[in-house]
All heavy atoms as atom14 arrays in JSON, in Angstrom:
{
  "sequence": "RKKKVMIFIDGSNLYHVLLKNCGRSDLMFSSFGKKLTGKDRELKKI",
  "atom14_mask": [
    [1, 1, 1, 1, 1, 1, 1, 1, 1, 1, 1, 0, 0, 0],
    [1, 1, 1, 1, 1, 1, 1, 1, 1, 0, 0, 0, 0, 0],
    [1, 1, 1, 1, 1, 1, 1, 1, 1, 0, 0, 0, 0, 0],
    [1, 1, 1, 1, 1, 1, 1, 1, 1, 0, 0, 0, 0, 0],
    [1, 1, 1, 1, 1, 1, 1, 0, 0, 0, 0, 0, 0, 0],
    [1, 1, 1, 1, 1, 1, 1, 1, 0, 0, 0, 0, 0, 0],
    [1, 1, 1, 1, 1, 1, 1, 1, 0, 0, 0, 0, 0, 0],
    [1, 1, 1, 1, 1, 1, 1, 1, 1, 1, 1, 0, 0, 0],
    [1, 1, 1, 1, 1, 1, 1, 1, 0, 0, 0, 0, 0, 0],
    [1, 1, 1, 1, 1, 1, 1, 1, 0, 0, 0, 0, 0, 0],
    [1, 1, 1, 1, 0, 0, 0, 0, 0, 0, 0, 0, 0, 0],
    [1, 1, 1, 1, 1, 1, 0, 0, 0, 0, 0, 0, 0, 0],
    [1, 1, 1, 1, 1, 1, 1, 1, 0, 0, 0, 0, 0, 0],
    [1, 1, 1, 1, 1, 1, 1, 1, 0, 0, 0, 0, 0, 0],
    [1, 1, 1, 1, 1, 1, 1, 1, 1, 1, 1, 1, 0, 0],
    [1, 1, 1, 1, 1, 1, 1, 1, 1, 1, 0, 0, 0, 0],
    [1, 1, 1, 1, 1, 1, 1, 0, 0, 0, 0, 0, 0, 0],
    [1, 1, 1, 1, 1, 1, 1, 1, 0, 0, 0, 0, 0, 0],
    [1, 1, 1, 1, 1, 1, 1, 1, 0, 0, 0, 0, 0, 0],
    [1, 1, 1, 1, 1, 1, 1, 1, 1, 0, 0, 0, 0, 0],
    [1, 1, 1, 1, 1, 1, 1, 1, 0, 0, 0, 0, 0, 0],
    [1, 1, 1, 1, 1, 1, 0, 0, 0, 0, 0, 0, 0, 0],
    [1, 1, 1, 1, 0, 0, 0, 0, 0, 0, 0, 0, 0, 0],
    [1, 1, 1, 1, 1, 1, 1, 1, 1, 1, 1, 0, 0, 0],
    [1, 1, 1, 1, 1, 1, 0, 0, 0, 0, 0, 0, 0, 0],
    [1, 1, 1, 1, 1, 1, 1, 1, 0, 0, 0, 0, 0, 0],
    [1, 1, 1, 1, 1, 1, 1, 1, 0, 0, 0, 0, 0, 0],
    [1, 1, 1, 1, 1, 1, 1, 1, 0, 0, 0, 0, 0, 0],
    [1, 1, 1, 1, 1, 1, 1, 1, 1, 1, 1, 0, 0, 0],
    [1, 1, 1, 1, 1, 1, 0, 0, 0, 0, 0, 0, 0, 0],
    [1, 1, 1, 1, 1, 1, 0, 0, 0, 0, 0, 0, 0, 0],
    [1, 1, 1, 1, 1, 1, 1, 1, 1, 1, 1, 0, 0, 0],
    [1, 1, 1, 1, 0, 0, 0, 0, 0, 0, 0, 0, 0, 0],
    [1, 1, 1, 1, 1, 1, 1, 1, 1, 0, 0, 0, 0, 0],
    [1, 1, 1, 1, 1, 1, 1, 1, 1, 0, 0, 0, 0, 0],
    [1, 1, 1, 1, 1, 1, 1, 1, 0, 0, 0, 0, 0, 0],
    [1, 1, 1, 1, 1, 1, 1, 0, 0, 0, 0, 0, 0, 0],
    [1, 1, 1, 1, 0, 0, 0, 0, 0, 0, 0, 0, 0, 0],
    [1, 1, 1, 1, 1, 1, 1, 1, 1, 0, 0, 0, 0, 0],
    [1, 1, 1, 1, 1, 1, 1, 1, 0, 0, 0, 0, 0, 0],
    [1, 1, 1, 1, 1, 1, 1, 1, 1, 1, 1, 0, 0, 0],
    [1, 1, 1, 1, 1, 1, 1, 1, 1, 0, 0, 0, 0, 0],
    [1, 1, 1, 1, 1, 1, 1, 1, 0, 0, 0, 0, 0, 0],
    [1, 1, 1, 1, 1, 1, 1, 1, 1, 0, 0, 0, 0, 0],
    [1, 1, 1, 1, 1, 1, 1, 1, 1, 0, 0, 0, 0, 0],
    [1, 1, 1, 1, 1, 1, 1, 1, 0, 0, 0, 0, 0, 0]
  ],
  "atom14_positions": [
    [[-26.67, 96.68, 67.86], [-26.39, 95.95, 69.09], [-26.2, 96.91, 70.25], [-25.49, 97.89, 70.13], [-25.13, 95.09, 68.91], [-24.77, 94.28, 70.15], [-23.51, 93.47, 69.94], [-22.32, 94.32, 69.85], [-21.63, 94.75, 70.9], [-22.03, 94.46, 72.13], [-20.56, 95.49, 70.74], [0.0, 0.0, 0.0], [0.0, 0.0, 0.0], [0.0, 0.0, 0.0]],
    [[-26.85, 96.59, 71.36], [-26.67, 97.42, 72.54], [-25.29, 97.21, 73.13], [-24.79, 96.09, 73.17], [-27.73, 97.08, 73.6], [-29.11, 97.63, 73.29], [-30.05, 97.41, 74.47], [-31.4, 98.07, 74.22], [-32.31, 97.92, 75.38], [0.0, 0.0, 0.0], [0.0, 0.0, 0.0], [0.0, 0.0, 0.0], [0.0, 0.0, 0.0], [0.0, 0.0, 0.0]],
    [[-24.67, 98.27, 73.6], [-23.36, 98.19, 74.22], [-23.47, 97.45, 75.56], [-24.37, 97.69, 76.34], [-22.78, 99.59, 74.44], [-22.53, 100.38, 73.16], [-21.39, 99.8, 72.36], [-21.07, 100.65, 71.14], [-19.98, 100.07, 70.34], [0.0, 0.0, 0.0], [0.0, 0.0, 0.0], [0.0, 0.0, 0.0], [0.0, 0.0, 0.0], [0.0, 0.0, 0.0]],
    [[-22.51, 96.57, 75.78], [-22.5, 95.76, 77.02], [-21.83, 96.54, 78.15], [-20.77, 97.13, 77.96], [-21.74, 94.46, 76.78], [-22.38, 93.55, 75.74], [-21.53, 92.31, 75.48], [-20.24, 92.65, 74.76], [-19.44, 91.45, 74.42], [0.0, 0.0, 0.0], [0.0, 0.0, 0.0], [0.0, 0.0, 0.0], [0.0, 0.0, 0.0], [0.0, 0.0, 0.0]],
    [[-22.46, 96.47, 79.31], [-21.96, 97.2, 80.49], [-21.71, 96.24, 81.65], [-22.52, 95.35, 81.91], [-22.96, 98.3, 80.93], [-22.51, 98.93, 82.24], [-23.1, 99.36, 79.85], [0.0, 0.0, 0.0], [0.0, 0.0, 0.0], [0.0, 0.0, 0.0], [0.0, 0.0, 0.0], [0.0, 0.0, 0.0], [0.0, 0.0, 0.0], [0.0, 0.0, 0.0]],
    [[-20.6, 96.44, 82.33], [-20.34, 95.76, 83.59], [-20.05, 96.82, 84.65], [-19.39, 97.82, 84.36], [-19.16, 94.8, 83.48], [-19.51, 93.46, 82.87], [-18.14, 92.27, 82.99], [-18.97, 90.79, 82.46], [0.0, 0.0, 0.0], [0.0, 0.0, 0.0], [0.0, 0.0, 0.0], [0.0, 0.0, 0.0], [0.0, 0.0, 0.0], [0.0, 0.0, 0.0]],
    [[-20.57, 96.58, 85.86], [-20.41, 97.55, 86.94], [-19.57, 96.93, 88.06], [-19.79, 95.78, 88.46], [-21.79, 97.99, 87.49], [-22.6, 98.67, 86.38], [-21.63, 98.93, 88.68], [-24.03, 99.02, 86.75], [0.0, 0.0, 0.0], [0.0, 0.0, 0.0], [0.0, 0.0, 0.0], [0.0, 0.0, 0.0], [0.0, 0.0, 0.0], [0.0, 0.0, 0.0]],
    [[-18.6, 97.7, 88.52], [-17.68, 97.24, 89.56], [-17.81, 98.15, 90.78], [-17.42, 99.33, 90.72], [-16.24, 97.26, 89.01], [-16.05, 96.44, 87.76], [-16.37, 96.96, 86.51], [-15.56, 95.14, 87.83], [-16.22, 96.21, 85.35], [-15.39, 94.37, 86.68], [-15.72, 94.91, 85.44], [0.0, 0.0, 0.0], [0.0, 0.0, 0.0], [0.0, 0.0, 0.0]],
    [[-18.38, 97.62, 91.86], [-18.7, 98.44, 93.03], [-17.74, 98.17, 94.18], [-17.62, 97.03, 94.65], [-20.14, 98.17, 93.51], [-21.15, 98.52, 92.41], [-20.44, 98.97, 94.78], [-22.59, 98.16, 92.76], [0.0, 0.0, 0.0], [0.0, 0.0, 0.0], [0.0, 0.0, 0.0], [0.0, 0.0, 0.0], [0.0, 0.0, 0.0], [0.0, 0.0, 0.0]],
    [[-17.06, 99.21, 94.62], [-16.26, 99.15, 95.84], [-17.23, 99.33, 97.0], [-17.61, 100.45, 97.36], [-15.2, 100.27, 95.82], [-14.3, 100.25, 97.04], [-14.67, 99.63, 98.05], [-13.22, 100.88, 96.99], [0.0, 0.0, 0.0], [0.0, 0.0, 0.0], [0.0, 0.0, 0.0], [0.0, 0.0, 0.0], [0.0, 0.0, 0.0], [0.0, 0.0, 0.0]],
    [[-17.67, 98.21, 97.6], [-18.75, 98.22, 98.58], [-18.49, 99.05, 99.82], [-19.36, 99.8, 100.26], [0.0, 0.0, 0.0], [0.0, 0.0, 0.0], [0.0, 0.0, 0.0], [0.0, 0.0, 0.0], [0.0, 0.0, 0.0], [0.0, 0.0, 0.0], [0.0, 0.0, 0.0], [0.0, 0.0, 0.0], [0.0, 0.0, 0.0], [0.0, 0.0, 0.0]],
    [[-17.3, 98.94, 100.38], [-16.97, 99.69, 101.59], [-16.97, 101.19, 101.32], [-17.5, 101.98, 102.1], [-15.6, 99.25, 102.12], [-15.26, 99.97, 103.27], [0.0, 0.0, 0.0], [0.0, 0.0, 0.0], [0.0, 0.0, 0.0], [0.0, 0.0, 0.0], [0.0, 0.0, 0.0], [0.0, 0.0, 0.0], [0.0, 0.0, 0.0], [0.0, 0.0, 0.0]],
    [[-16.39, 101.57, 100.19], [-16.34, 102.97, 99.79], [-17.75, 103.53, 99.61], [-18.09, 104.6, 100.14], [-15.53, 103.08, 98.49], [-15.31, 104.51, 98.04], [-16.24, 105.19, 97.64], [-14.07, 104.96, 98.1], [0.0, 0.0, 0.0], [0.0, 0.0, 0.0], [0.0, 0.0, 0.0], [0.0, 0.0, 0.0], [0.0, 0.0, 0.0], [0.0, 0.0, 0.0]],
    [[-18.6, 102.78, 98.9], [-19.96, 103.23, 98.64], [-20.77, 103.34, 99.94], [-21.5, 104.31, 100.14], [-20.66, 102.27, 97.67], [-22.1, 102.61, 97.3], [-22.19, 103.95, 96.59], [-22.72, 101.52, 96.44], [0.0, 0.0, 0.0], [0.0, 0.0, 0.0], [0.0, 0.0, 0.0], [0.0, 0.0, 0.0], [0.0, 0.0, 0.0], [0.0, 0.0, 0.0]],
    [[-20.61, 102.37, 100.81], [-21.34, 102.36, 102.08], [-21.07, 103.64, 102.88], [-22.0, 104.3, 103.36], [-20.91, 101.13, 102.89], [-21.41, 101.11, 104.32], [-22.72, 100.74, 104.62], [-20.57, 101.47, 105.37], [-23.18, 100.73, 105.93], [-21.02, 101.46, 106.68], [-22.32, 101.09, 106.96], [-22.78, 101.09, 108.26], [0.0, 0.0, 0.0], [0.0, 0.0, 0.0]],
    [[-19.81, 104.01, 103.0], [-19.44, 105.18, 103.81], [-19.88, 106.5, 103.17], [-20.34, 107.41, 103.87], [-17.94, 105.19, 104.08], [-17.52, 104.14, 105.07], [-16.92, 102.96, 104.71], [-17.66, 104.08, 106.41], [-16.7, 102.22, 105.78], [-17.14, 102.87, 106.84], [0.0, 0.0, 0.0], [0.0, 0.0, 0.0], [0.0, 0.0, 0.0], [0.0, 0.0, 0.0]],
    [[-19.76, 106.61, 101.83], [-20.18, 107.87, 101.2], [-21.7, 108.02, 101.19], [-22.22, 109.13, 101.26], [-19.61, 108.03, 99.76], [-18.1, 108.14, 99.79], [-20.05, 106.92, 98.84], [0.0, 0.0, 0.0], [0.0, 0.0, 0.0], [0.0, 0.0, 0.0], [0.0, 0.0, 0.0], [0.0, 0.0, 0.0], [0.0, 0.0, 0.0], [0.0, 0.0, 0.0]],
    [[-22.43, 106.9, 101.13], [-23.89, 106.97, 101.2], [-24.33, 107.44, 102.58], [-25.22, 108.29, 102.7], [-24.52, 105.61, 100.89], [-24.55, 105.18, 99.42], [-25.15, 103.78, 99.28], [-25.34, 106.16, 98.57], [0.0, 0.0, 0.0], [0.0, 0.0, 0.0], [0.0, 0.0, 0.0], [0.0, 0.0, 0.0], [0.0, 0.0, 0.0], [0.0, 0.0, 0.0]],
    [[-23.71, 106.9, 103.62], [-24.05, 107.34, 104.98], [-23.74, 108.82, 105.17], [-24.52, 109.57, 105.76], [-23.27, 106.51, 106.0], [-23.79, 105.12, 106.33], [-22.94, 104.47, 107.4], [-25.25, 105.15, 106.8], [0.0, 0.0, 0.0], [0.0, 0.0, 0.0], [0.0, 0.0, 0.0], [0.0, 0.0, 0.0], [0.0, 0.0, 0.0], [0.0, 0.0, 0.0]],
    [[-22.6, 109.23, 104.63], [-22.17, 110.62, 104.79], [-23.06, 111.59, 104.02], [-23.43, 112.66, 104.53], [-20.73, 110.76, 104.31], [-20.16, 112.17, 104.46], [-18.74, 112.24, 103.91], [-18.21, 113.68, 103.96], [-16.85, 113.78, 103.37], [0.0, 0.0, 0.0], [0.0, 0.0, 0.0], [0.0, 0.0, 0.0], [0.0, 0.0, 0.0], [0.0, 0.0, 0.0]],
    [[-23.43, 111.23, 102.79], [-24.16, 112.17, 101.93], [-25.68, 111.98, 101.94], [-26.41, 112.92, 101.61], [-23.66, 112.04, 100.48], [-22.25, 112.53, 100.31], [-22.01, 113.72, 100.15], [-21.29, 111.62, 100.33], [0.0, 0.0, 0.0], [0.0, 0.0, 0.0], [0.0, 0.0, 0.0], [0.0, 0.0, 0.0], [0.0, 0.0, 0.0], [0.0, 0.0, 0.0]],
    [[-26.14, 110.77, 102.27], [-27.58, 110.5, 102.21], [-28.17, 110.09, 103.56], [-29.4, 110.04, 103.7], [-27.86, 109.39, 101.19], [-27.24, 109.75, 99.53], [0.0, 0.0, 0.0], [0.0, 0.0, 0.0], [0.0, 0.0, 0.0], [0.0, 0.0, 0.0], [0.0, 0.0, 0.0], [0.0, 0.0, 0.0], [0.0, 0.0, 0.0], [0.0, 0.0, 0.0]],
    [[-27.31, 109.74, 104.51], [-27.8, 109.34, 105.81], [-28.35, 107.93, 105.88], [-28.93, 107.52, 106.89], [0.0, 0.0, 0.0], [0.0, 0.0, 0.0], [0.0, 0.0, 0.0], [0.0, 0.0, 0.0], [0.0, 0.0, 0.0], [0.0, 0.0, 0.0], [0.0, 0.0, 0.0], [0.0, 0.0, 0.0], [0.0, 0.0, 0.0], [0.0, 0.0, 0.0]],
    [[-28.17, 107.16, 104.83], [-28.63, 105.77, 104.81], [-27.83, 104.98, 103.77], [-27.17, 105.56, 102.91], [-30.13, 105.69, 104.52], [-30.56, 106.31, 103.22], [-32.07, 106.43, 103.09], [-32.73, 105.15, 103.09], [-34.05, 105.0, 102.88], [-34.81, 106.05, 102.66], [-34.6, 103.8, 102.89], [0.0, 0.0, 0.0], [0.0, 0.0, 0.0], [0.0, 0.0, 0.0]],
    [[-27.9, 103.65, 103.84], [-27.1, 102.83, 102.93], [-27.87, 101.64, 102.36], [-27.29, 100.8, 101.67], [-25.85, 102.31, 103.65], [-26.23, 101.48, 104.74], [0.0, 0.0, 0.0], [0.0, 0.0, 0.0], [0.0, 0.0, 0.0], [0.0, 0.0, 0.0], [0.0, 0.0, 0.0], [0.0, 0.0, 0.0], [0.0, 0.0, 0.0], [0.0, 0.0, 0.0]],
    [[-29.19, 101.56, 102.67], [-29.99, 100.4, 102.25], [-30.41, 100.52, 100.78], [-31.57, 100.69, 100.44], [-31.22, 100.25, 103.16], [-32.04, 101.53, 103.26], [-31.45, 102.62, 103.2], [-33.27, 101.44, 103.39], [0.0, 0.0, 0.0], [0.0, 0.0, 0.0], [0.0, 0.0, 0.0], [0.0, 0.0, 0.0], [0.0, 0.0, 0.0], [0.0, 0.0, 0.0]],
    [[-29.43, 100.37, 99.92], [-29.6, 100.59, 98.48], [-30.14, 99.34, 97.78], [-29.76, 98.22, 98.12], [-28.23, 100.96, 97.89], [-28.15, 101.39, 96.44], [-28.93, 102.68, 96.2], [-26.69, 101.61, 96.04], [0.0, 0.0, 0.0], [0.0, 0.0, 0.0], [0.0, 0.0, 0.0], [0.0, 0.0, 0.0], [0.0, 0.0, 0.0], [0.0, 0.0, 0.0]],
    [[-31.03, 99.54, 96.82], [-31.46, 98.45, 95.95], [-30.45, 98.36, 94.8], [-30.5, 99.15, 93.85], [-32.87, 98.69, 95.42], [-33.94, 98.63, 96.5], [-35.63, 98.58, 95.85], [-35.79, 100.23, 95.14], [0.0, 0.0, 0.0], [0.0, 0.0, 0.0], [0.0, 0.0, 0.0], [0.0, 0.0, 0.0], [0.0, 0.0, 0.0], [0.0, 0.0, 0.0]],
    [[-29.53, 97.43, 94.89], [-28.4, 97.38, 93.96], [-28.81, 97.09, 92.52], [-28.2, 97.58, 91.58], [-27.38, 96.35, 94.44], [-26.55, 96.83, 95.59], [-26.96, 96.62, 96.9], [-25.36, 97.52, 95.38], [-26.21, 97.08, 97.97], [-24.62, 97.99, 96.44], [-25.04, 97.77, 97.74], [0.0, 0.0, 0.0], [0.0, 0.0, 0.0], [0.0, 0.0, 0.0]],
    [[-29.85, 96.29, 92.36], [-30.33, 95.98, 91.01], [-30.84, 97.26, 90.32], [-30.49, 97.54, 89.16], [-31.44, 94.94, 91.08], [-31.9, 94.6, 89.8], [0.0, 0.0, 0.0], [0.0, 0.0, 0.0], [0.0, 0.0, 0.0], [0.0, 0.0, 0.0], [0.0, 0.0, 0.0], [0.0, 0.0, 0.0], [0.0, 0.0, 0.0], [0.0, 0.0, 0.0]],
    [[-31.64, 98.04, 91.04], [-32.17, 99.3, 90.48], [-31.06, 100.31, 90.26], [-31.06, 101.06, 89.26], [-33.22, 99.89, 91.43], [-34.29, 98.99, 91.62], [0.0, 0.0, 0.0], [0.0, 0.0, 0.0], [0.0, 0.0, 0.0], [0.0, 0.0, 0.0], [0.0, 0.0, 0.0], [0.0, 0.0, 0.0], [0.0, 0.0, 0.0], [0.0, 0.0, 0.0]],
    [[-30.11, 100.34, 91.18], [-28.95, 101.23, 91.05], [-28.16, 100.9, 89.79], [-27.78, 101.8, 89.01], [-28.07, 101.06, 92.3], [-26.8, 101.88, 92.3], [-26.82, 103.25, 92.07], [-25.58, 101.27, 92.57], [-25.64, 104.01, 92.09], [-24.4, 102.01, 92.58], [-24.44, 103.38, 92.35], [0.0, 0.0, 0.0], [0.0, 0.0, 0.0], [0.0, 0.0, 0.0]],
    [[-27.93, 99.61, 89.55], [-27.21, 99.18, 88.35], [-27.93, 99.54, 87.07], [-27.32, 100.0, 86.1], [0.0, 0.0, 0.0], [0.0, 0.0, 0.0], [0.0, 0.0, 0.0], [0.0, 0.0, 0.0], [0.0, 0.0, 0.0], [0.0, 0.0, 0.0], [0.0, 0.0, 0.0], [0.0, 0.0, 0.0], [0.0, 0.0, 0.0], [0.0, 0.0, 0.0]],
    [[-29.25, 99.37, 87.08], [-30.05, 99.7, 85.89], [-30.02, 101.2, 85.6], [-29.97, 101.61, 84.43], [-31.5, 99.23, 86.08], [-31.66, 97.73, 85.98], [-33.08, 97.3, 86.33], [-33.21, 95.79, 86.33], [-34.54, 95.33, 86.78], [0.0, 0.0, 0.0], [0.0, 0.0, 0.0], [0.0, 0.0, 0.0], [0.0, 0.0, 0.0], [0.0, 0.0, 0.0]],
    [[-30.05, 102.01, 86.65], [-30.03, 103.46, 86.44], [-28.68, 103.91, 85.89], [-28.62, 104.77, 85.01], [-30.32, 104.19, 87.75], [-30.45, 105.7, 87.57], [-31.08, 106.38, 88.76], [-31.26, 107.87, 88.5], [-31.94, 108.57, 89.6], [0.0, 0.0, 0.0], [0.0, 0.0, 0.0], [0.0, 0.0, 0.0], [0.0, 0.0, 0.0], [0.0, 0.0, 0.0]],
    [[-27.59, 103.34, 86.4], [-26.27, 103.68, 85.88], [-26.12, 103.28, 84.42], [-25.48, 103.96, 83.62], [-25.18, 102.99, 86.72], [-24.91, 103.54, 88.13], [-23.94, 102.63, 88.86], [-24.34, 104.96, 88.07], [0.0, 0.0, 0.0], [0.0, 0.0, 0.0], [0.0, 0.0, 0.0], [0.0, 0.0, 0.0], [0.0, 0.0, 0.0], [0.0, 0.0, 0.0]],
    [[-26.7, 102.13, 84.08], [-26.57, 101.59, 82.71], [-27.4, 102.38, 81.71], [-26.93, 102.7, 80.61], [-27.01, 100.11, 82.68], [-26.21, 99.37, 83.61], [-26.84, 99.52, 81.3], [0.0, 0.0, 0.0], [0.0, 0.0, 0.0], [0.0, 0.0, 0.0], [0.0, 0.0, 0.0], [0.0, 0.0, 0.0], [0.0, 0.0, 0.0], [0.0, 0.0, 0.0]],
    [[-28.62, 102.71, 82.07], [-29.52, 103.41, 81.15], [-30.25, 102.44, 80.23], [-29.91, 101.26, 80.14], [0.0, 0.0, 0.0], [0.0, 0.0, 0.0], [0.0, 0.0, 0.0], [0.0, 0.0, 0.0], [0.0, 0.0, 0.0], [0.0, 0.0, 0.0], [0.0, 0.0, 0.0], [0.0, 0.0, 0.0], [0.0, 0.0, 0.0], [0.0, 0.0, 0.0]],
    [[-31.24, 102.95, 79.53], [-32.09, 102.1, 78.68], [-31.43, 101.7, 77.37], [-31.82, 100.71, 76.74], [-33.4, 102.84, 78.38], [-34.28, 103.04, 79.61], [-35.55, 103.79, 79.26], [-36.42, 104.01, 80.5], [-37.64, 104.79, 80.17], [0.0, 0.0, 0.0], [0.0, 0.0, 0.0], [0.0, 0.0, 0.0], [0.0, 0.0, 0.0], [0.0, 0.0, 0.0]],
    [[-30.45, 102.47, 76.92], [-29.85, 102.21, 75.61], [-28.67, 101.25, 75.65], [-28.04, 100.99, 74.63], [-29.4, 103.54, 74.96], [-30.57, 104.47, 74.73], [-31.67, 103.96, 74.44], [-30.4, 105.7, 74.83], [0.0, 0.0, 0.0], [0.0, 0.0, 0.0], [0.0, 0.0, 0.0], [0.0, 0.0, 0.0], [0.0, 0.0, 0.0], [0.0, 0.0, 0.0]],
    [[-28.36, 100.74, 76.86], [-27.25, 99.79, 76.98], [-27.73, 98.54, 77.71], [-28.8, 98.53, 78.3], [-26.07, 100.44, 77.73], [-25.56, 101.69, 77.06], [-24.27, 102.22, 77.7], [-24.46, 102.72, 79.05], [-23.52, 103.35, 79.75], [-22.32, 103.53, 79.22], [-23.76, 103.79, 80.98], [0.0, 0.0, 0.0], [0.0, 0.0, 0.0], [0.0, 0.0, 0.0]],
    [[-26.93, 97.5, 77.66], [-27.31, 96.23, 78.28], [-26.4, 95.94, 79.47], [-25.18, 95.85, 79.32], [-27.2, 95.1, 77.26], [-27.61, 93.74, 77.81], [-27.36, 92.61, 76.81], [-26.82, 92.88, 75.72], [-27.69, 91.47, 77.16], [0.0, 0.0, 0.0], [0.0, 0.0, 0.0], [0.0, 0.0, 0.0], [0.0, 0.0, 0.0], [0.0, 0.0, 0.0]],
    [[-27.01, 95.77, 80.64], [-26.25, 95.46, 81.84], [-25.97, 93.95, 81.88], [-26.89, 93.14, 81.99], [-27.03, 95.88, 83.1], [-26.39, 95.55, 84.45], [-25.01, 96.18, 84.58], [-27.3, 96.01, 85.59], [0.0, 0.0, 0.0], [0.0, 0.0, 0.0], [0.0, 0.0, 0.0], [0.0, 0.0, 0.0], [0.0, 0.0, 0.0], [0.0, 0.0, 0.0]],
    [[-24.71, 93.59, 81.8], [-24.33, 92.18, 81.78], [-24.09, 91.62, 83.18], [-24.48, 90.51, 83.48], [-23.05, 91.97, 80.94], [-23.16, 92.42, 79.49], [-24.25, 91.68, 78.73], [-23.9, 90.23, 78.44], [-24.93, 89.57, 77.6], [0.0, 0.0, 0.0], [0.0, 0.0, 0.0], [0.0, 0.0, 0.0], [0.0, 0.0, 0.0], [0.0, 0.0, 0.0]],
    [[-23.45, 92.44, 84.03], [-23.13, 91.93, 85.36], [-22.74, 93.06, 86.3], [-22.2, 94.07, 85.87], [-21.97, 90.92, 85.27], [-21.83, 90.04, 86.51], [-20.93, 88.85, 86.19], [-20.96, 87.85, 87.32], [-20.2, 86.63, 87.02], [0.0, 0.0, 0.0], [0.0, 0.0, 0.0], [0.0, 0.0, 0.0], [0.0, 0.0, 0.0], [0.0, 0.0, 0.0]],
    [[-23.02, 92.84, 87.6], [-22.56, 93.75, 88.66], [-21.63, 92.95, 89.57], [-21.97, 91.85, 90.02], [-23.74, 94.28, 89.5], [-24.73, 95.08, 88.65], [-23.21, 95.17, 90.64], [-26.0, 95.48, 89.39], [0.0, 0.0, 0.0], [0.0, 0.0, 0.0], [0.0, 0.0, 0.0], [0.0, 0.0, 0.0], [0.0, 0.0, 0.0], [0.0, 0.0, 0.0]]
  ]
}
């Protein structure tokens, strides 16, 4: 059985650090969640 994953995003925190470190904040959250989860686990919810 694949391990179940849930992701909890502090939106305001992420927005400001993305602007500071990447210069943009228009993130594709679905793809971001999948990358954090990886192929060997199952993403249940963000």
